[in-house]
């Protein structure tokens, strides 16, 4: 599902104009990004947690040049769904 499809779905189910829904969705995404950048996690009860994970420094290989490089430690964003969310998806996903 794309952002446009998400906006359409929310607009249909709530009756709110698409422009207003789009602003709300973008504001939500900006809030999550800003919280993660500032080092704060975002907890949404019944949905999941947006958090940052620390990746340790490691040695990697550049196979095209046959050299080793050092990848410094860094943080990446992650999402961990709640157990009930995972269970619902497992039970109802259609292939």
C-alpha atoms as a PDB file:
ATOM      1  CA  UNK A   1       0.000   0.000   0.000  1.00  0.00           C
ATOM      2  CA  UNK A   2       1.365   3.402  -0.945  1.00  0.00           C
ATOM      3  CA  UNK A   3       0.895   6.638   0.966  1.00  0.00           C
ATOM      4  CA  UNK A   4      -1.718   7.765  -1.583  1.00  0.00           C
ATOM      5  CA  UNK A   5      -3.662   4.514  -1.144  1.00  0.00           C
ATOM      6  CA  UNK A   6      -3.458   4.895   2.634  1.00  0.00           C
ATOM      7  CA  UNK A   7      -4.800   8.449   2.396  1.00  0.00           C
ATOM      8  CA  UNK A   8      -7.651   7.278   0.146  1.00  0.00           C
ATOM      9  CA  UNK A   9      -8.547   4.451   2.546  1.00  0.00           C
ATOM     10  CA  UNK A  10      -8.589   6.734   5.595  1.00  0.00           C
ATOM     11  CA  UNK A  11     -10.562   9.362   3.702  1.00  0.00           C
ATOM     12  CA  UNK A  12     -13.199   6.798   2.677  1.00  0.00           C
ATOM     13  CA  UNK A  13     -13.562   5.310   6.146  1.00  0.00           C
ATOM     14  CA  UNK A  14     -13.692   8.608   8.049  1.00  0.00           C
ATOM     15  CA  UNK A  15     -15.305  10.976   5.553  1.00  0.00           C
ATOM     16  CA  UNK A  16     -12.511  13.521   6.023  1.00  0.00           C
ATOM     17  CA  UNK A  17     -11.147  15.292   2.935  1.00  0.00           C
ATOM     18  CA  UNK A  18      -8.057  13.755   1.336  1.00  0.00           C
ATOM     19  CA  UNK A  19      -6.042  16.962   1.709  1.00  0.00           C
ATOM     20  CA  UNK A  20      -6.626  17.004   5.462  1.00  0.00           C
ATOM     21  CA  UNK A  21      -5.830  13.296   5.801  1.00  0.00           C
ATOM     22  CA  UNK A  22      -2.642  13.748   3.769  1.00  0.00           C
ATOM     23  CA  UNK A  23      -1.502  16.561   6.084  1.00  0.00           C
ATOM     24  CA  UNK A  24      -2.228  14.382   9.129  1.00  0.00           C
ATOM     25  CA  UNK A  25      -0.358  11.366   7.710  1.00  0.00           C
ATOM     26  CA  UNK A  26       2.656  13.500   6.772  1.00  0.00           C
ATOM     27  CA  UNK A  27       2.606  15.193  10.197  1.00  0.00           C
ATOM     28  CA  UNK A  28       2.572  11.742  11.843  1.00  0.00           C
ATOM     29  CA  UNK A  29       5.536  10.575   9.778  1.00  0.00           C
ATOM     30  CA  UNK A  30       7.463  13.788  10.515  1.00  0.00           C
ATOM     31  CA  UNK A  31       6.779  13.410  14.236  1.00  0.00           C
ATOM     32  CA  UNK A  32       8.043   9.816  14.228  1.00  0.00           C
ATOM     33  CA  UNK A  33      11.171  10.801  12.268  1.00  0.00           C
ATOM     34  CA  UNK A  34      11.916  13.755  14.550  1.00  0.00           C
ATOM     35  CA  UNK A  35      11.458  11.631  17.669  1.00  0.00           C
ATOM     36  CA  UNK A  36      13.834   8.957  16.385  1.00  0.00           C
ATOM     37  CA  UNK A  37      16.422  11.537  15.325  1.00  0.00           C
ATOM     38  CA  UNK A  38      16.340  13.061  18.806  1.00  0.00           C
ATOM     39  CA  UNK A  39      16.819   9.607  20.378  1.00  0.00           C
ATOM     40  CA  UNK A  40      13.261   9.022  21.591  1.00  0.00           C
ATOM     41  CA  UNK A  41      11.233   5.911  20.820  1.00  0.00           C
ATOM     42  CA  UNK A  42       7.593   6.061  19.696  1.00  0.00           C
ATOM     43  CA  UNK A  43       5.235   3.577  21.385  1.00  0.00           C
ATOM     44  CA  UNK A  44       1.817   2.961  19.818  1.00  0.00           C
ATOM     45  CA  UNK A  45      -0.218   0.635  22.043  1.00  0.00           C
ATOM     46  CA  UNK A  46      -1.741  -2.212  20.052  1.00  0.00           C
ATOM     47  CA  UNK A  47       0.391  -1.428  16.976  1.00  0.00           C
ATOM     48  CA  UNK A  48       4.102  -1.409  17.740  1.00  0.00           C
ATOM     49  CA  UNK A  49       7.243   0.520  18.577  1.00  0.00           C
ATOM     50  CA  UNK A  50       9.380   2.713  16.371  1.00  0.00           C
ATOM     51  CA  UNK A  51      12.896   2.745  17.808  1.00  0.00           C
ATOM     52  CA  UNK A  52      16.541   3.151  16.884  1.00  0.00           C
ATOM     53  CA  UNK A  53      18.980   0.254  16.980  1.00  0.00           C
ATOM     54  CA  UNK A  54      22.717   0.592  17.401  1.00  0.00           C
ATOM     55  CA  UNK A  55      24.864  -1.254  14.901  1.00  0.00           C
ATOM     56  CA  UNK A  56      28.363  -2.001  16.152  1.00  0.00           C
ATOM     57  CA  UNK A  57      31.538  -1.207  14.240  1.00  0.00           C
ATOM     58  CA  UNK A  58      32.472  -4.026  11.870  1.00  0.00           C
ATOM     59  CA  UNK A  59      34.872  -4.996   9.129  1.00  0.00           C
ATOM     60  CA  UNK A  60      33.355  -5.572   5.716  1.00  0.00           C
ATOM     61  CA  UNK A  61      34.640  -6.560   2.293  1.00  0.00           C
ATOM     62  CA  UNK A  62      34.414  -4.677  -0.974  1.00  0.00           C
ATOM     63  CA  UNK A  63      34.445  -7.674  -3.313  1.00  0.00           C
ATOM     64  CA  UNK A  64      34.802  -5.624  -6.504  1.00  0.00           C
ATOM     65  CA  UNK A  65      38.099  -4.058  -5.335  1.00  0.00           C
ATOM     66  CA  UNK A  66      39.078  -6.975  -3.073  1.00  0.00           C
ATOM     67  CA  UNK A  67      39.667  -4.689  -0.095  1.00  0.00           C
ATOM     68  CA  UNK A  68      38.459  -4.525   3.470  1.00  0.00           C
ATOM     69  CA  UNK A  69      36.688  -1.512   4.884  1.00  0.00           C
ATOM     70  CA  UNK A  70      35.633  -0.564   8.381  1.00  0.00           C
ATOM     71  CA  UNK A  71      31.985   0.319   8.822  1.00  0.00           C
ATOM     72  CA  UNK A  72      31.709   2.606  11.867  1.00  0.00           C
ATOM     73  CA  UNK A  73      29.046   2.137  14.523  1.00  0.00           C
ATOM     74  CA  UNK A  74      25.775   3.770  13.569  1.00  0.00           C
ATOM     75  CA  UNK A  75      22.076   3.849  14.402  1.00  0.00           C
ATOM     76  CA  UNK A  76      19.237   2.644  12.186  1.00  0.00           C
ATOM     77  CA  UNK A  77      15.479   3.042  12.565  1.00  0.00           C
ATOM     78  CA  UNK A  78      13.458  -0.088  13.314  1.00  0.00           C
ATOM     79  CA  UNK A  79       9.869  -1.134  13.912  1.00  0.00           C
ATOM     80  CA  UNK A  80       8.743  -3.888  16.259  1.00  0.00           C
ATOM     81  CA  UNK A  81       5.051  -4.830  16.021  1.00  0.00           C
ATOM     82  CA  UNK A  82       3.103  -5.909  19.100  1.00  0.00           C
ATOM     83  CA  UNK A  83       2.441  -9.601  19.681  1.00  0.00           C
ATOM     84  CA  UNK A  84      -1.289  -9.228  18.977  1.00  0.00           C
ATOM     85  CA  UNK A  85      -0.524  -7.420  15.694  1.00  0.00           C
ATOM     86  CA  UNK A  86       1.828 -10.230  14.630  1.00  0.00           C
ATOM     87  CA  UNK A  87      -0.724 -12.885  15.593  1.00  0.00           C
ATOM     88  CA  UNK A  88      -3.476 -11.157  13.609  1.00  0.00           C
ATOM     89  CA  UNK A  89      -1.286 -10.930  10.516  1.00  0.00           C
ATOM     90  CA  UNK A  90      -0.217 -14.579  10.810  1.00  0.00           C
ATOM     91  CA  UNK A  91      -3.815 -15.727  11.122  1.00  0.00           C
ATOM     92  CA  UNK A  92      -5.310 -13.610   8.348  1.00  0.00           C
ATOM     93  CA  UNK A  93      -2.684 -12.980   5.663  1.00  0.00           C
ATOM     94  CA  UNK A  94      -3.764 -13.990   2.160  1.00  0.00           C
ATOM     95  CA  UNK A  95      -1.176 -15.145  -0.345  1.00  0.00           C
END
